[in-house]
C-alpha atoms as a PDB file:
ATOM      1  CA  TRP A   1     120.459 111.926 207.962  1.00  0.00           C
ATOM      2  CA  ARG A   2     119.880 115.010 210.104  1.00  0.00           C
ATOM      3  CA  ARG A   3     123.425 114.868 211.504  1.00  0.00           C
ATOM      4  CA  VAL A   4     124.888 114.375 208.021  1.00  0.00           C
ATOM      5  CA  ARG A   5     122.891 117.335 206.708  1.00  0.00           C
ATOM      6  CA  GLY A   6     123.910 119.569 209.616  1.00  0.00           C
ATOM      7  CA  ALA A   7     127.591 118.686 209.509  1.00  0.00           C
ATOM      8  CA  GLY A   8     127.686 118.788 205.709  1.00  0.00           C
ATOM      9  CA  PHE A   9     126.301 122.299 205.534  1.00  0.00           C
ATOM     10  CA  ALA A  10     128.166 123.554 208.620  1.00  0.00           C
ATOM     11  CA  LEU A  11     131.541 122.463 207.254  1.00  0.00           C
ATOM     12  CA  GLY A  12     130.931 122.407 203.495  1.00  0.00           C
ATOM     13  CA  ILE A  13     129.721 125.996 203.143  1.00  0.00           C
ATOM     14  CA  PRO A  14     132.783 127.589 204.815  1.00  0.00           C
ATOM     15  CA  PHE A  15     135.163 125.422 202.758  1.00  0.00           C
ATOM     16  CA  SER A  16     133.340 126.352 199.560  1.00  0.00           C
ATOM     17  CA  LEU A  17     133.176 130.064 200.435  1.00  0.00           C
ATOM     18  CA  LEU A  18     136.890 130.066 201.195  1.00  0.00           C
ATOM     19  CA  TRP A  19     137.555 128.437 197.845  1.00  0.00           C
ATOM     20  CA  ALA A  20     135.295 130.916 196.025  1.00  0.00           C
ATOM     21  CA  GLY A  21     137.069 133.848 197.689  1.00  0.00           C
ATOM     22  CA  VAL A  22     140.486 132.615 196.613  1.00  0.00           C
ATOM     23  CA  ALA A  23     139.219 131.883 193.090  1.00  0.00           C
ATOM     24  CA  LEU A  24     137.862 135.438 192.895  1.00  0.00           C
ATOM     25  CA  ALA A  25     141.149 136.869 194.173  1.00  0.00           C
ATOM     26  CA  GLU A  26     143.023 134.823 191.560  1.00  0.00           C
ATOM     27  CA  ALA A  27     140.736 136.238 188.857  1.00  0.00           C
ATOM     28  CA  ILE A  28     141.373 139.828 189.996  1.00  0.00           C
ATOM     29  CA  ASP A  29     145.094 139.589 190.824  1.00  0.00           C
ATOM     30  CA  PRO A  30     147.738 137.998 188.641  1.00  0.00           C
ATOM     31  CA  PRO A  31     148.168 134.304 189.388  1.00  0.00           C
ATOM     32  CA  GLY A  32     151.053 133.057 191.481  1.00  0.00           C
ATOM     33  CA  ALA A  33     151.013 135.871 194.043  1.00  0.00           C
ATOM     34  CA  PRO A  34     149.852 134.126 197.245  1.00  0.00           C
ATOM     35  CA  THR A  35     151.415 130.794 198.132  1.00  0.00           C
ATOM     36  CA  TYR A  36     148.442 129.656 200.229  1.00  0.00           C
ATOM     37  CA  THR A  37     146.275 129.332 197.121  1.00  0.00           C
ATOM     38  CA  PHE A  38     147.401 125.751 196.504  1.00  0.00           C
ATOM     39  CA  PHE A  39     146.253 124.695 199.962  1.00  0.00           C
ATOM     40  CA  VAL A  40     142.874 126.344 199.578  1.00  0.00           C
ATOM     41  CA  PHE A  41     142.314 124.700 196.184  1.00  0.00           C
ATOM     42  CA  ALA A  42     143.330 121.386 197.741  1.00  0.00           C
ATOM     43  CA  LEU A  43     140.408 121.854 200.146  1.00  0.00           C
ATOM     44  CA  LEU A  44     137.835 122.180 197.335  1.00  0.00           C
ATOM     45  CA  PRO A  45     137.107 118.440 197.206  1.00  0.00           C
ATOM     46  CA  VAL A  46     136.492 118.501 200.960  1.00  0.00           C
ATOM     47  CA  GLY A  47     133.888 121.263 200.718  1.00  0.00           C
ATOM     48  CA  GLY A  48     132.269 119.767 197.637  1.00  0.00           C
ATOM     49  CA  THR A  49     132.042 116.318 199.189  1.00  0.00           C
ATOM     50  CA  LEU A  50     130.549 117.671 202.403  1.00  0.00           C
ATOM     51  CA  LEU A  51     127.978 119.699 200.492  1.00  0.00           C
ATOM     52  CA  ALA A  52     127.095 116.681 198.330  1.00  0.00           C
ATOM     53  CA  ALA A  53     126.481 114.679 201.510  1.00  0.00           C
ATOM     54  CA  ALA A  54     124.313 117.490 202.899  1.00  0.00           C
ATOM     55  CA  TYR A  55     122.279 117.691 199.682  1.00  0.00           C
ATOM     56  CA  THR A  56     121.811 113.926 199.659  1.00  0.00           C
ATOM     57  CA  ALA A  57     120.701 113.975 203.289  1.00  0.00           C
ATOM     58  CA  SER A  58     118.287 116.820 202.508  1.00  0.00           C
ATOM     59  CA  VAL A  59     116.693 114.789 199.712  1.00  0.00           C
ATOM     60  CA  MET A  60     116.438 111.752 201.966  1.00  0.00           C
ATOM     61  CA  LEU A  61     114.799 113.840 204.705  1.00  0.00           C
ATOM     62  CA  ALA A  62     112.459 115.764 202.385  1.00  0.00           C
ATOM     63  CA  ASN A  63     110.003 112.915 202.280  1.00  0.00           C
ATOM     64  CA  GLU A  64     110.605 109.929 204.539  1.00  0.00           C
ATOM     65  CA  ALA A  65     108.690 107.513 202.278  1.00  0.00           C
ATOM     66  CA  VAL A  66     110.590 108.634 199.175  1.00  0.00           C
ATOM     67  CA  GLY A  67     113.844 108.534 201.137  1.00  0.00           C
ATOM     68  CA  ARG A  68     113.224 104.948 202.271  1.00  0.00           C
ATOM     69  CA  TRP A  69     112.277 103.894 198.731  1.00  0.00           C
ATOM     70  CA  LEU A  70     115.329 105.629 197.254  1.00  0.00           C
ATOM     71  CA  ALA A  71     117.628 104.063 199.840  1.00  0.00           C
ATOM     72  CA  ARG A  72     116.235 100.581 199.089  1.00  0.00           C
ATOM     73  CA  TRP A  73     116.475 101.165 195.345  1.00  0.00           C
ATOM     74  CA  LEU A  74     120.117 102.326 195.510  1.00  0.00           C
ATOM     75  CA  ALA A  75     121.264  99.817 198.167  1.00  0.00           C
ATOM     76  CA  PRO A  76     122.368  97.128 195.673  1.00  0.00           C
ATOM     77  CA  ALA A  77     124.803  99.585 194.079  1.00  0.00           C
ATOM     78  CA  GLY A  78     126.262 100.213 197.534  1.00  0.00           C
ATOM     79  CA  ARG A  79     126.617  96.500 198.183  1.00  0.00           C
ATOM     80  CA  MET A  80     128.682  96.285 194.981  1.00  0.00           C
ATOM     81  CA  ALA A  81     130.675  99.472 195.594  1.00  0.00           C
ATOM     82  CA  LEU A  82     134.084  98.097 194.588  1.00  0.00           C
ATOM     83  CA  THR A  83     132.730  96.510 191.403  1.00  0.00           C
ATOM     84  CA  ASN A  84     130.888  99.717 190.510  1.00  0.00           C
ATOM     85  CA  TYR A  85     133.893 101.923 191.285  1.00  0.00           C
ATOM     86  CA  LEU A  86     136.194  99.902 189.059  1.00  0.00           C
ATOM     87  CA  SER A  87     133.654  99.500 186.249  1.00  0.00           C
ATOM     88  CA  GLN A  88     132.902 103.220 186.359  1.00  0.00           C
ATOM     89  CA  SER A  89     136.612 103.971 185.973  1.00  0.00           C
ATOM     90  CA  VAL A  90     136.871 101.638 182.978  1.00  0.00           C
ATOM     91  CA  LEU A  91     133.670 102.961 181.363  1.00  0.00           C
ATOM     92  CA  CYS A  92     134.722 106.586 181.797  1.00  0.00           C
ATOM     93  CA  ALA A  93     138.185 105.887 180.400  1.00  0.00           C
ATOM     94  CA  LEU A  94     136.698 104.147 177.365  1.00  0.00           C
ATOM     95  CA  LEU A  95     134.029 106.783 176.753  1.00  0.00           C
ATOM     96  CA  LEU A  96     135.755 110.013 177.722  1.00  0.00           C
ATOM     97  CA  GLN A  97     139.512 109.629 177.293  1.00  0.00           C
ATOM     98  CA  GLY A  98     141.566 109.576 174.118  1.00  0.00           C
ATOM     99  CA  VAL A  99     142.254 105.841 174.411  1.00  0.00           C
ATOM    100  CA  GLY A 100     138.536 105.276 173.811  1.00  0.00           C
ATOM    101  CA  LEU A 101     135.932 107.427 172.110  1.00  0.00           C
ATOM    102  CA  GLY A 102     137.373 110.709 173.431  1.00  0.00           C
ATOM    103  CA  LEU A 103     133.953 112.182 174.214  1.00  0.00           C
ATOM    104  CA  GLY A 104     135.351 114.149 177.153  1.00  0.00           C
ATOM    105  CA  ALA A 105     136.867 116.740 174.840  1.00  0.00           C
ATOM    106  CA  ARG A 106     133.779 117.031 172.633  1.00  0.00           C
ATOM    107  CA  LEU A 107     130.847 116.991 175.047  1.00  0.00           C
ATOM    108  CA  SER A 108     129.452 120.024 176.835  1.00  0.00           C
ATOM    109  CA  HIS A 109     129.145 120.064 180.606  1.00  0.00           C
ATOM    110  CA  GLY A 110     125.525 118.992 180.211  1.00  0.00           C
ATOM    111  CA  GLY A 111     126.588 116.139 177.960  1.00  0.00           C
ATOM    112  CA  LEU A 112     129.156 114.985 180.495  1.00  0.00           C
ATOM    113  CA  LEU A 113     126.508 115.127 183.216  1.00  0.00           C
ATOM    114  CA  ALA A 114     124.213 113.019 181.016  1.00  0.00           C
ATOM    115  CA  VAL A 115     126.985 110.437 180.524  1.00  0.00           C
ATOM    116  CA  ALA A 116     127.580 110.319 184.293  1.00  0.00           C
ATOM    117  CA  ALA A 117     123.843 109.906 184.976  1.00  0.00           C
ATOM    118  CA  ALA A 118     123.548 107.181 182.339  1.00  0.00           C
ATOM    119  CA  ILE A 119     126.491 105.281 183.830  1.00  0.00           C
ATOM    120  CA  MET A 120     125.014 105.584 187.312  1.00  0.00           C
ATOM    121  CA  ILE A 121     121.572 104.380 186.221  1.00  0.00           C
ATOM    122  CA  PHE A 122     123.167 101.509 184.280  1.00  0.00           C
ATOM    123  CA  GLN A 123     125.198 100.493 187.324  1.00  0.00           C
ATOM    124  CA  VAL A 124     122.195 100.593 189.650  1.00  0.00           C
ATOM    125  CA  LEU A 125     120.146  98.447 187.265  1.00  0.00           C
ATOM    126  CA  VAL A 126     122.964  95.936 186.737  1.00  0.00           C
ATOM    127  CA  SER A 127     123.640  95.831 190.496  1.00  0.00           C
ATOM    128  CA  ARG A 128     119.976  95.076 191.210  1.00  0.00           C
ATOM    129  CA  TRP A 129     119.950  92.361 188.545  1.00  0.00           C
ATOM    130  CA  TRP A 130     123.247  90.850 189.737  1.00  0.00           C
ATOM    131  CA  LEU A 131     122.314  90.707 193.427  1.00  0.00           C
ATOM    132  CA  ARG A 132     119.071  88.894 192.637  1.00  0.00           C
ATOM    133  CA  ARG A 133     121.252  86.052 191.365  1.00  0.00           C
ATOM    134  CA  PHE A 134     124.383  86.246 193.542  1.00  0.00           C
ATOM    135  CA  ARG A 135     125.234  87.133 197.131  1.00  0.00           C
ATOM    136  CA  GLN A 136     127.763  89.862 196.280  1.00  0.00           C
ATOM    137  CA  GLY A 137     129.420  91.570 193.330  1.00  0.00           C
ATOM    138  CA  PRO A 138     132.062  89.852 191.202  1.00  0.00           C
ATOM    139  CA  VAL A 139     134.995  91.977 192.395  1.00  0.00           C
ATOM    140  CA  GLU A 140     133.786  91.722 195.989  1.00  0.00           C
ATOM    141  CA  THR A 141     133.732  87.917 195.596  1.00  0.00           C
ATOM    142  CA  ILE A 142     137.296  87.847 194.272  1.00  0.00           C
ATOM    143  CA  TYR A 143     138.437  90.241 196.980  1.00  0.00           C
ATOM    144  CA  ARG A 144     136.807  88.166 199.711  1.00  0.00           C
ATOM    145  CA  ARG A 145     138.304  84.919 198.388  1.00  0.00           C
ATOM    146  CA  GLN A 146     141.785  86.464 198.298  1.00  0.00           C
ATOM    147  CA  THR A 147     141.616  88.066 201.738  1.00  0.00           C
ATOM    148  CA  VAL A 148     139.408  85.745 203.808  1.00  0.00           C
ATOM    149  CA  GLY A 149     140.159  82.544 201.976  1.00  0.00           C
END
């Protein structure tokens, strides 16, 4: 966790500062002037992901006992990562996009964050329940049967 925190901050902060500088320049100057802007904005997910990893590592290191408990509590969701990824995509499409309820256009940023948190909590609880009964997630089982035999 210490290495993740160090690397996340060491690389994530420069990426994010670079992005913020270009965003500020775009706000001051008319858009379309520099051609490198696209490449800098393409790097935003890199900086954000690295910082998210650093923040997660910081939480895990803040209190070793809490970190161990949190890791154990979230582990079932990690063991069912493919199932959770696909179900999250379906849930978000049904809740947020126009083909479903279309809440994405009506909710505030806080509301969207609440939906994301609710989906995550739901997935962790279902993952814990599922793995008490089965060895792996349903999509992982299908994937394993198709690839391993």
